[in-house]
N, C-alpha and C. Protein backbone atom coordinates (compact mmCIF):
# COMPACT_ATOMS: atom_id res chain seq x y z
N MET A 1 -23.27 5.76 -6.52
CA MET A 1 -22.06 5.54 -7.29
C MET A 1 -21.59 6.82 -7.98
N GLU A 2 -22.55 7.65 -8.41
CA GLU A 2 -22.16 8.87 -9.10
C GLU A 2 -21.43 9.81 -8.15
N SER A 3 -21.85 9.83 -6.88
CA SER A 3 -21.20 10.72 -5.93
C SER A 3 -19.77 10.26 -5.64
N LEU A 4 -19.53 8.96 -5.64
CA LEU A 4 -18.17 8.44 -5.44
C LEU A 4 -17.27 8.81 -6.62
N ALA A 5 -17.80 8.69 -7.83
CA ALA A 5 -17.02 9.08 -9.01
C ALA A 5 -16.74 10.58 -9.00
N LEU A 6 -17.70 11.37 -8.56
CA LEU A 6 -17.50 12.81 -8.47
C LEU A 6 -16.43 13.14 -7.43
N LEU A 7 -16.47 12.46 -6.29
CA LEU A 7 -15.48 12.69 -5.24
C LEU A 7 -14.07 12.33 -5.71
N VAL A 8 -13.94 11.21 -6.40
CA VAL A 8 -12.63 10.80 -6.91
C VAL A 8 -12.12 11.79 -7.94
N SER A 9 -12.99 12.27 -8.81
CA SER A 9 -12.55 13.24 -9.81
C SER A 9 -12.15 14.56 -9.17
N ILE A 10 -12.82 14.96 -8.10
CA ILE A 10 -12.45 16.19 -7.40
C ILE A 10 -11.09 16.03 -6.72
N ILE A 11 -10.80 14.85 -6.19
CA ILE A 11 -9.52 14.60 -5.53
C ILE A 11 -8.39 14.53 -6.54
N VAL A 12 -8.60 13.88 -7.67
CA VAL A 12 -7.53 13.64 -8.63
C VAL A 12 -7.30 14.83 -9.56
N PHE A 13 -8.32 15.65 -9.79
CA PHE A 13 -8.21 16.76 -10.74
C PHE A 13 -7.04 17.71 -10.48
N PRO A 14 -6.83 18.20 -9.24
CA PRO A 14 -5.71 19.14 -9.05
C PRO A 14 -4.35 18.53 -9.36
N ALA A 15 -4.14 17.28 -9.02
CA ALA A 15 -2.84 16.67 -9.28
C ALA A 15 -2.65 16.38 -10.76
N MET A 16 -3.72 15.98 -11.43
CA MET A 16 -3.59 15.59 -12.83
C MET A 16 -3.52 16.80 -13.76
N PHE A 17 -4.27 17.84 -13.47
CA PHE A 17 -4.33 18.98 -14.38
C PHE A 17 -3.77 20.27 -13.79
N GLY A 18 -3.81 20.43 -12.48
CA GLY A 18 -3.34 21.68 -11.87
C GLY A 18 -1.85 21.91 -12.04
N GLY A 19 -1.06 20.87 -11.83
CA GLY A 19 0.39 20.99 -11.98
C GLY A 19 0.82 21.29 -13.41
N PRO A 20 0.34 20.52 -14.39
CA PRO A 20 0.71 20.85 -15.77
C PRO A 20 0.22 22.22 -16.23
N ILE A 21 -0.95 22.65 -15.79
CA ILE A 21 -1.43 23.99 -16.15
C ILE A 21 -0.52 25.05 -15.55
N ALA A 22 -0.13 24.86 -14.28
CA ALA A 22 0.78 25.82 -13.64
C ALA A 22 2.13 25.84 -14.33
N LEU A 23 2.61 24.67 -14.74
CA LEU A 23 3.90 24.61 -15.44
C LEU A 23 3.82 25.30 -16.79
N LEU A 24 2.74 25.09 -17.52
CA LEU A 24 2.58 25.76 -18.82
C LEU A 24 2.47 27.27 -18.65
N LEU A 25 1.78 27.71 -17.61
CA LEU A 25 1.67 29.15 -17.37
C LEU A 25 3.01 29.77 -16.98
N SER A 26 3.87 29.00 -16.33
CA SER A 26 5.14 29.56 -15.88
C SER A 26 6.24 29.44 -16.93
N LEU A 27 6.07 28.61 -17.95
CA LEU A 27 7.12 28.46 -18.96
C LEU A 27 7.22 29.67 -19.88
N TYR A 28 6.09 30.21 -20.30
CA TYR A 28 6.11 31.40 -21.16
C TYR A 28 6.29 32.62 -20.27
N ARG A 29 7.44 33.28 -20.43
CA ARG A 29 7.75 34.42 -19.56
C ARG A 29 7.80 35.70 -20.38
N PRO A 30 6.76 36.51 -20.31
CA PRO A 30 6.84 37.82 -20.97
C PRO A 30 7.76 38.74 -20.17
N ALA A 31 7.96 39.95 -20.65
CA ALA A 31 8.85 40.90 -19.97
C ALA A 31 8.40 41.14 -18.53
N SER A 32 7.12 41.32 -18.32
CA SER A 32 6.62 41.48 -16.96
C SER A 32 5.38 40.61 -16.80
N MET A 33 5.41 39.74 -15.81
CA MET A 33 4.28 38.84 -15.57
C MET A 33 3.28 39.53 -14.65
N SER A 34 2.01 39.42 -14.95
CA SER A 34 0.99 40.08 -14.14
C SER A 34 0.87 39.39 -12.78
N HIS A 35 0.40 40.15 -11.81
CA HIS A 35 0.23 39.60 -10.47
C HIS A 35 -0.83 38.52 -10.44
N PHE A 36 -1.89 38.69 -11.25
CA PHE A 36 -2.95 37.69 -11.30
C PHE A 36 -2.40 36.35 -11.80
N ARG A 37 -1.59 36.40 -12.84
CA ARG A 37 -1.01 35.17 -13.39
C ARG A 37 -0.07 34.51 -12.38
N ARG A 38 0.73 35.32 -11.68
CA ARG A 38 1.65 34.79 -10.67
C ARG A 38 0.87 34.11 -9.54
N ILE A 39 -0.21 34.73 -9.09
CA ILE A 39 -1.03 34.15 -8.03
C ILE A 39 -1.71 32.87 -8.51
N LEU A 40 -2.18 32.86 -9.75
CA LEU A 40 -2.81 31.68 -10.33
C LEU A 40 -1.82 30.51 -10.40
N ILE A 41 -0.59 30.79 -10.79
CA ILE A 41 0.45 29.75 -10.84
C ILE A 41 0.71 29.20 -9.45
N ILE A 42 0.82 30.08 -8.47
CA ILE A 42 1.10 29.64 -7.10
C ILE A 42 -0.03 28.78 -6.56
N ILE A 43 -1.27 29.18 -6.80
CA ILE A 43 -2.42 28.41 -6.32
C ILE A 43 -2.45 27.02 -6.95
N PHE A 44 -2.33 26.96 -8.29
CA PHE A 44 -2.33 25.66 -8.97
C PHE A 44 -1.17 24.79 -8.51
N ALA A 45 0.02 25.38 -8.35
CA ALA A 45 1.20 24.60 -7.99
C ALA A 45 1.11 24.05 -6.57
N ILE A 46 0.68 24.88 -5.64
CA ILE A 46 0.57 24.41 -4.25
C ILE A 46 -0.52 23.36 -4.12
N LEU A 47 -1.65 23.58 -4.77
CA LEU A 47 -2.74 22.61 -4.71
C LEU A 47 -2.34 21.27 -5.31
N SER A 48 -1.67 21.30 -6.46
CA SER A 48 -1.26 20.04 -7.09
C SER A 48 -0.17 19.35 -6.29
N SER A 49 0.70 20.11 -5.64
CA SER A 49 1.75 19.50 -4.82
C SER A 49 1.15 18.83 -3.58
N ILE A 50 0.20 19.49 -2.95
CA ILE A 50 -0.43 18.91 -1.76
C ILE A 50 -1.20 17.64 -2.11
N VAL A 51 -1.99 17.69 -3.18
CA VAL A 51 -2.75 16.51 -3.59
C VAL A 51 -1.81 15.41 -4.07
N GLY A 52 -0.72 15.78 -4.74
CA GLY A 52 0.27 14.80 -5.18
C GLY A 52 0.93 14.08 -4.02
N ILE A 53 1.29 14.84 -2.98
CA ILE A 53 1.88 14.23 -1.78
C ILE A 53 0.86 13.31 -1.12
N PHE A 54 -0.38 13.76 -1.04
CA PHE A 54 -1.44 12.93 -0.45
C PHE A 54 -1.60 11.61 -1.21
N LEU A 55 -1.61 11.67 -2.54
CA LEU A 55 -1.77 10.45 -3.33
C LEU A 55 -0.55 9.54 -3.20
N LEU A 56 0.63 10.11 -3.07
CA LEU A 56 1.83 9.28 -2.90
C LEU A 56 1.89 8.63 -1.53
N ILE A 57 1.49 9.35 -0.50
CA ILE A 57 1.55 8.82 0.87
C ILE A 57 0.50 7.74 1.09
N GLU A 58 -0.71 7.95 0.57
CA GLU A 58 -1.80 7.01 0.81
C GLU A 58 -1.58 5.65 0.17
N ASN A 59 -0.79 5.58 -0.89
CA ASN A 59 -0.46 4.31 -1.54
C ASN A 59 -1.72 3.54 -1.93
N VAL A 60 -2.62 4.22 -2.63
CA VAL A 60 -3.89 3.63 -3.04
C VAL A 60 -3.68 2.60 -4.14
N SER A 61 -3.06 3.02 -5.22
CA SER A 61 -2.77 2.12 -6.34
C SER A 61 -1.58 2.67 -7.10
N ARG A 62 -1.11 1.90 -8.05
CA ARG A 62 0.04 2.36 -8.83
C ARG A 62 -0.34 3.56 -9.71
N GLY A 63 -1.55 3.57 -10.22
CA GLY A 63 -2.01 4.70 -11.03
C GLY A 63 -2.09 5.98 -10.21
N ALA A 64 -2.56 5.86 -8.96
CA ALA A 64 -2.62 7.04 -8.09
C ALA A 64 -1.22 7.53 -7.76
N ASN A 65 -0.27 6.61 -7.60
CA ASN A 65 1.11 7.01 -7.36
C ASN A 65 1.69 7.77 -8.54
N VAL A 66 1.38 7.31 -9.75
CA VAL A 66 1.88 8.00 -10.95
C VAL A 66 1.26 9.39 -11.06
N ILE A 67 -0.04 9.49 -10.83
CA ILE A 67 -0.71 10.79 -10.89
C ILE A 67 -0.18 11.71 -9.80
N GLY A 68 0.06 11.16 -8.60
CA GLY A 68 0.62 11.96 -7.52
C GLY A 68 2.02 12.45 -7.83
N ALA A 69 2.85 11.59 -8.41
CA ALA A 69 4.20 12.00 -8.78
C ALA A 69 4.17 13.06 -9.87
N LEU A 70 3.24 12.92 -10.82
CA LEU A 70 3.09 13.92 -11.88
C LEU A 70 2.69 15.27 -11.30
N GLY A 71 1.70 15.26 -10.42
CA GLY A 71 1.25 16.51 -9.81
C GLY A 71 2.32 17.16 -8.95
N LEU A 72 3.04 16.35 -8.18
CA LEU A 72 4.08 16.88 -7.31
C LEU A 72 5.24 17.45 -8.13
N SER A 73 5.68 16.72 -9.13
CA SER A 73 6.84 17.19 -9.91
C SER A 73 6.50 18.43 -10.74
N THR A 74 5.34 18.45 -11.36
CA THR A 74 5.00 19.63 -12.17
C THR A 74 4.68 20.84 -11.29
N GLY A 75 4.09 20.61 -10.13
CA GLY A 75 3.82 21.72 -9.21
C GLY A 75 5.10 22.35 -8.68
N LEU A 76 6.03 21.50 -8.25
CA LEU A 76 7.30 22.02 -7.77
C LEU A 76 8.12 22.63 -8.90
N GLY A 77 8.02 22.05 -10.09
CA GLY A 77 8.73 22.61 -11.24
C GLY A 77 8.23 24.00 -11.60
N SER A 78 6.93 24.20 -11.52
CA SER A 78 6.39 25.52 -11.85
C SER A 78 6.75 26.55 -10.78
N LEU A 79 6.79 26.13 -9.51
CA LEU A 79 7.24 27.06 -8.47
C LEU A 79 8.71 27.41 -8.65
N TRP A 80 9.51 26.44 -9.07
CA TRP A 80 10.92 26.69 -9.32
C TRP A 80 11.10 27.67 -10.49
N GLN A 81 10.31 27.47 -11.55
CA GLN A 81 10.36 28.38 -12.70
C GLN A 81 9.97 29.80 -12.28
N LEU A 82 8.96 29.89 -11.44
CA LEU A 82 8.49 31.20 -10.99
C LEU A 82 9.56 31.90 -10.15
N LYS A 83 10.22 31.14 -9.29
CA LYS A 83 11.29 31.71 -8.46
C LYS A 83 12.48 32.12 -9.32
N ARG A 84 12.84 31.29 -10.29
CA ARG A 84 13.96 31.59 -11.17
C ARG A 84 13.66 32.82 -12.02
N ASP A 85 12.43 32.93 -12.49
CA ASP A 85 12.03 34.08 -13.31
C ASP A 85 12.08 35.36 -12.49
N ARG A 86 11.72 35.28 -11.25
CA ARG A 86 11.71 36.47 -10.40
C ARG A 86 13.12 36.99 -10.14
N LYS A 87 14.10 36.08 -10.05
CA LYS A 87 15.48 36.50 -9.83
C LYS A 87 16.08 37.14 -11.07
N VAL A 88 15.74 36.63 -12.25
CA VAL A 88 16.32 37.13 -13.49
C VAL A 88 15.78 38.51 -13.85
N THR A 89 14.49 38.71 -13.62
CA THR A 89 13.86 39.98 -14.00
C THR A 89 14.29 41.09 -13.05
N PRO A 90 14.79 42.22 -13.57
CA PRO A 90 15.22 43.31 -12.68
C PRO A 90 14.06 44.03 -12.04
């Protein structure tokens, strides 16, 4: 049973926490964003978007759908913020 709980937490973690972390990292925009931070945002955002799509498509439960929608929306939002920031900065 412990291994099943561990597997579920590994599957749900990127969608539940990866997207919001990426969004928080992309909201604060200093004059020049480091390459490490930009790569970290991209990794968190893509991972949470993929897991979010997976949870939405699988239709496991209503809670999984909510977590999937949260991960997908925050992941795409952080990528959008990153793209918008890159255009504004000369």
